Amino acid sequence: MRLSRCLPLPVLLAIVLLLPACASVNMQDLQGLMGIEAPLDEPTVASGLKEALRIGTERASGTLSVDGGFGKNDLLRLALPEDLQKVGSRLRTLGLGDQVDALENQMNSAAERAAGEAVDVFASAIRSMTVQDAFSILDGQDNAATLYFQGRIEAELTSRFQPVVASVMEEMGVYRTYSSLIDRYNAIPLISSVDVDLESYIVNRTLSGLFSTLADEELRIRQDPIARTTDLLKRVFGRNDIP
């Protein structure tokens, strides 16, 4: 509870009159006593924006890196690549539907494991952000931070995800399942053979899901006071709220 809500007006006026005689009391202290917040300065805004980005990226990565983060999300679940859709349909007619489903499940698990690697890359980008960057993002469109990250670290994330996805695919038998299905399909008479870079497909879809989820988190922090879970976020992002 602010002191201005419990101190009577005469007492507050006395504080104002005695201010020059109190070396230990500055204007910021007085503003706090009277329930008035000091104007937002550049360091405060930059700190608030970086905190929002840290929280948003951790939420996005955490949401997607759990079991089912991709696989149980109807919007983000990885299906077979477009070039393999015909392959999957044909194999299902041959009684291999379970193996097709197994491949898709393995692909989603690989994406979930890769998403957990994003936090460190995001954190590094946030630390290197300038005050000018912070203000541009804060005053930009609802997905300004997401676009900033896409421009600055997408290449690094791709490089970071590639070995993770490859390792998980190997560990979970994705290559083995995929090769088995493709071999069976290519053995069908009068069928044109196919070969898809499944690893790159999973990496790209993981990035797409990550940035999509980050954009949702960014929008929540900008528009929903409940999503601002720290005092700094409330102060910086609440400046434009309509009373």
Protein backbone atom coordinates (compact mmCIF):
# COMPACT_ATOMS: atom_id res chain seq x y z
CA MET A 1 0.00 0.00 0.00
CA ARG A 2 1.37 3.42 -0.93
CA LEU A 3 1.97 5.90 1.91
CA SER A 4 -0.10 8.47 0.03
CA ARG A 5 -3.15 6.31 0.66
CA CYS A 6 -2.73 6.35 4.41
CA LEU A 7 -1.01 9.69 5.19
CA PRO A 8 -3.34 12.70 5.50
CA LEU A 9 -2.77 15.67 3.22
CA PRO A 10 -1.30 17.95 5.96
CA VAL A 11 1.41 15.38 6.64
CA LEU A 12 2.29 15.13 2.97
CA LEU A 13 2.48 18.92 2.74
CA ALA A 14 4.77 18.99 5.76
CA ILE A 15 7.07 16.51 4.01
CA VAL A 16 7.23 18.83 1.00
CA LEU A 17 8.05 21.85 3.18
CA LEU A 18 10.74 20.00 5.11
CA LEU A 19 12.34 18.51 1.99
CA PRO A 20 15.14 21.14 1.67
CA ALA A 21 16.25 20.43 5.23
CA CYS A 22 16.54 16.68 4.66
CA ALA A 23 19.64 15.85 2.68
CA SER A 24 18.73 12.18 2.62
CA VAL A 25 15.41 12.74 0.86
CA ASN A 26 15.47 13.35 -2.89
CA MET A 27 12.76 13.99 -5.40
CA GLN A 28 12.47 10.31 -6.29
CA ASP A 29 11.86 9.50 -2.61
CA LEU A 30 9.15 12.16 -2.49
CA GLN A 31 7.51 10.83 -5.61
CA GLY A 32 7.40 7.43 -4.03
CA LEU A 33 5.83 8.79 -0.84
CA MET A 34 3.17 10.62 -2.82
CA GLY A 35 2.43 7.65 -5.06
CA ILE A 36 3.94 9.27 -8.13
CA GLU A 37 6.22 7.18 -10.29
CA ALA A 38 9.31 8.84 -11.70
CA PRO A 39 9.40 9.23 -15.50
CA LEU A 40 10.74 6.26 -17.40
CA ASP A 41 14.36 6.79 -18.36
CA GLU A 42 16.25 4.98 -21.11
CA PRO A 43 17.99 2.40 -18.87
CA THR A 44 14.67 1.49 -17.25
CA VAL A 45 12.94 1.05 -20.60
CA ALA A 46 15.83 -1.00 -21.97
CA SER A 47 15.89 -3.19 -18.86
CA GLY A 48 12.13 -3.71 -19.06
CA LEU A 49 12.26 -4.67 -22.70
CA LYS A 50 15.13 -7.10 -22.15
CA GLU A 51 13.28 -8.66 -19.23
CA ALA A 52 10.19 -9.06 -21.40
CA LEU A 53 12.26 -10.73 -24.09
CA ARG A 54 13.95 -13.03 -21.62
CA ILE A 55 10.62 -14.10 -20.15
CA GLY A 56 8.97 -14.40 -23.56
CA THR A 57 11.74 -16.52 -25.07
CA GLU A 58 11.92 -18.77 -22.02
CA ARG A 59 8.16 -19.28 -22.14
CA ALA A 60 8.21 -20.02 -25.87
CA SER A 61 11.10 -22.46 -25.62
CA GLY A 62 9.63 -24.07 -22.51
CA THR A 63 6.23 -24.51 -24.12
CA LEU A 64 7.63 -26.24 -27.18
CA SER A 65 10.40 -28.31 -25.60
CA VAL A 66 8.11 -30.43 -23.42
CA ASP A 67 6.69 -33.76 -24.53
CA GLY A 68 3.87 -32.91 -26.93
CA GLY A 69 4.98 -29.30 -27.41
CA PHE A 70 4.80 -29.84 -31.16
CA GLY A 71 3.16 -33.24 -31.40
CA LYS A 72 0.01 -32.29 -29.47
CA ASN A 73 -0.30 -28.79 -30.92
CA ASP A 74 -2.69 -28.86 -33.86
CA LEU A 75 -1.20 -25.66 -35.30
CA LEU A 76 2.45 -26.63 -35.01
CA ARG A 77 2.50 -30.42 -35.32
CA LEU A 78 4.91 -31.62 -37.99
CA ALA A 79 3.26 -33.70 -40.69
CA LEU A 80 5.17 -35.29 -43.53
CA PRO A 81 6.77 -32.72 -45.85
CA GLU A 82 4.70 -31.80 -48.87
CA ASP A 83 6.95 -33.86 -51.15
CA LEU A 84 6.23 -36.93 -48.99
CA GLN A 85 2.47 -36.52 -48.66
CA LYS A 86 1.83 -38.70 -51.71
CA VAL A 87 4.33 -41.23 -50.36
CA GLY A 88 2.57 -41.37 -47.00
CA SER A 89 -0.86 -41.80 -48.58
CA ARG A 90 0.32 -44.60 -50.84
CA LEU A 91 2.10 -46.40 -48.00
CA ARG A 92 -1.02 -46.23 -45.84
CA THR A 93 -2.97 -48.03 -48.56
CA LEU A 94 -0.33 -50.77 -48.36
CA GLY A 95 -0.92 -51.26 -44.63
CA LEU A 96 2.08 -49.24 -43.48
CA GLY A 97 0.10 -46.51 -41.72
CA ASP A 98 1.60 -47.31 -38.32
CA GLN A 99 5.10 -46.76 -39.64
CA VAL A 100 4.09 -43.47 -41.26
CA ASP A 101 2.59 -42.33 -37.94
CA ALA A 102 5.74 -43.45 -36.12
CA LEU A 103 7.87 -41.33 -38.45
CA GLU A 104 5.73 -38.24 -37.83
CA ASN A 105 5.86 -38.77 -34.06
CA GLN A 106 9.64 -39.08 -34.18
CA MET A 107 9.88 -35.89 -36.23
CA ASN A 108 7.86 -33.99 -33.63
CA SER A 109 9.95 -35.35 -30.78
CA ALA A 110 13.09 -34.17 -32.58
CA ALA A 111 11.58 -30.68 -32.93
CA GLU A 112 10.72 -30.61 -29.22
CA ARG A 113 14.26 -31.53 -28.24
CA ALA A 114 15.72 -28.88 -30.54
CA ALA A 115 13.44 -26.13 -29.17
CA GLY A 116 15.10 -26.47 -25.78
CA GLU A 117 18.38 -25.29 -27.32
CA ALA A 118 16.97 -21.87 -28.20
CA VAL A 119 17.19 -20.21 -24.79
CA ASP A 120 20.96 -19.70 -24.75
CA VAL A 121 21.00 -18.25 -28.25
CA PHE A 122 18.20 -15.84 -27.43
CA ALA A 123 19.90 -14.85 -24.17
CA SER A 124 23.09 -13.94 -26.01
CA ALA A 125 21.16 -11.77 -28.47
CA ILE A 126 19.31 -10.02 -25.64
CA ARG A 127 22.56 -9.18 -23.83
CA SER A 128 23.99 -7.56 -26.95
CA MET A 129 20.89 -5.44 -27.56
CA THR A 130 21.43 -1.67 -27.52
CA VAL A 131 19.18 0.96 -25.95
CA GLN A 132 18.21 2.07 -29.45
CA ASP A 133 17.22 -1.50 -30.32
CA ALA A 134 15.12 -1.70 -27.18
CA PHE A 135 13.19 1.50 -27.92
CA SER A 136 12.63 0.48 -31.53
CA ILE A 137 11.14 -2.80 -30.36
CA LEU A 138 9.08 -1.28 -27.57
CA ASP A 139 7.55 1.33 -29.86
CA GLY A 140 7.27 -1.04 -32.82
CA GLN A 141 4.50 -3.33 -33.97
CA ASP A 142 3.18 -6.17 -31.85
CA ASN A 143 5.74 -8.65 -33.16
CA ALA A 144 8.69 -6.25 -33.38
CA ALA A 145 10.83 -8.32 -31.00
CA THR A 146 10.11 -11.51 -32.92
CA LEU A 147 11.11 -9.84 -36.19
CA TYR A 148 14.26 -8.49 -34.52
CA PHE A 149 15.28 -11.98 -33.44
CA GLN A 150 14.50 -13.46 -36.83
CA GLY A 151 16.80 -10.93 -38.44
CA ARG A 152 19.60 -11.28 -35.90
CA ILE A 153 19.78 -14.91 -34.82
CA GLU A 154 17.82 -17.13 -37.20
CA ALA A 155 21.01 -18.24 -38.93
CA GLU A 156 22.64 -19.00 -35.56
CA LEU A 157 19.60 -20.94 -34.40
CA THR A 158 19.60 -22.95 -37.61
CA SER A 159 23.24 -23.81 -37.08
CA ARG A 160 22.56 -24.67 -33.43
CA PHE A 161 19.51 -26.81 -34.20
CA GLN A 162 21.07 -28.81 -37.03
CA PRO A 163 23.30 -31.09 -34.93
CA VAL A 164 20.64 -31.41 -32.22
CA VAL A 165 18.02 -32.53 -34.72
CA ALA A 166 20.50 -34.88 -36.40
CA SER A 167 21.46 -36.41 -33.05
CA VAL A 168 17.86 -36.88 -31.95
CA MET A 169 16.88 -38.31 -35.32
CA GLU A 170 19.68 -40.84 -35.01
CA GLU A 171 18.84 -41.64 -31.39
CA MET A 172 15.14 -42.12 -32.06
CA GLY A 173 15.58 -44.10 -35.24
CA VAL A 174 14.07 -41.47 -37.53
CA TYR A 175 16.59 -42.11 -40.29
CA ARG A 176 15.99 -45.83 -40.05
CA THR A 177 12.20 -45.46 -40.17
CA TYR A 178 12.40 -42.95 -43.02
CA SER A 179 14.81 -45.06 -45.08
CA SER A 180 12.67 -48.14 -44.63
CA LEU A 181 9.53 -46.34 -45.80
CA ILE A 182 11.26 -44.69 -48.76
CA ASP A 183 12.82 -47.98 -49.84
CA ARG A 184 9.41 -49.63 -49.80
CA TYR A 185 7.86 -46.79 -51.75
CA ASN A 186 10.63 -46.63 -54.34
CA ALA A 187 10.24 -50.37 -54.88
CA ILE A 188 6.67 -49.91 -56.12
CA PRO A 189 6.60 -50.45 -59.92
CA LEU A 190 6.14 -47.40 -62.15
CA ILE A 191 6.68 -45.01 -59.23
CA SER A 192 9.11 -42.12 -59.46
CA SER A 193 11.68 -42.36 -56.68
CA VAL A 194 11.74 -39.65 -54.00
CA ASP A 195 14.30 -38.41 -51.52
CA VAL A 196 13.67 -35.55 -49.09
CA ASP A 197 16.07 -33.71 -46.75
CA LEU A 198 14.07 -34.55 -43.63
CA GLU A 199 16.65 -33.03 -41.29
CA SER A 200 16.41 -29.55 -42.84
CA TYR A 201 12.64 -29.82 -42.89
CA ILE A 202 12.51 -30.50 -39.13
CA VAL A 203 14.96 -27.67 -38.39
CA ASN A 204 12.95 -25.16 -40.42
CA ARG A 205 9.64 -26.22 -38.90
CA THR A 206 11.12 -26.03 -35.41
CA LEU A 207 12.25 -22.46 -36.06
CA SER A 208 8.88 -21.54 -37.53
CA GLY A 209 7.08 -22.91 -34.47
CA LEU A 210 9.46 -21.18 -32.11
CA PHE A 211 9.06 -17.75 -33.69
CA SER A 212 5.30 -18.20 -33.94
CA THR A 213 5.06 -19.02 -30.24
CA LEU A 214 7.40 -16.15 -29.36
CA ALA A 215 5.17 -13.74 -31.29
CA ASP A 216 2.19 -14.95 -29.22
CA GLU A 217 4.11 -14.40 -25.98
CA GLU A 218 5.24 -10.95 -27.10
CA LEU A 219 1.66 -9.96 -27.89
CA ARG A 220 0.49 -11.19 -24.48
CA ILE A 221 3.05 -9.09 -22.62
CA ARG A 222 2.20 -6.03 -24.69
CA GLN A 223 -1.57 -6.32 -24.34
CA ASP A 224 -2.37 -8.39 -21.25
CA PRO A 225 -1.43 -6.92 -17.84
CA ILE A 226 -1.71 -10.38 -16.29
CA ALA A 227 1.17 -11.59 -18.48
CA ARG A 228 3.46 -8.92 -16.98
CA THR A 229 4.74 -10.96 -14.09
CA THR A 230 7.29 -8.50 -12.67
CA ASP A 231 7.07 -4.92 -11.43
CA LEU A 232 9.44 -3.78 -14.16
CA LEU A 233 7.27 -5.27 -16.89
CA LYS A 234 4.17 -3.69 -15.38
CA ARG A 235 5.82 -0.29 -15.30
CA VAL A 236 7.34 -0.27 -18.77
CA PHE A 237 4.54 -1.95 -20.69
CA GLY A 238 1.77 -0.39 -18.65
CA ARG A 239 2.66 3.12 -19.72
CA ASN A 240 0.27 2.97 -22.67
CA ASP A 241 -2.54 1.13 -20.97
CA ILE A 242 -5.89 2.84 -21.02
CA PRO A 243 -7.02 3.55 -17.43
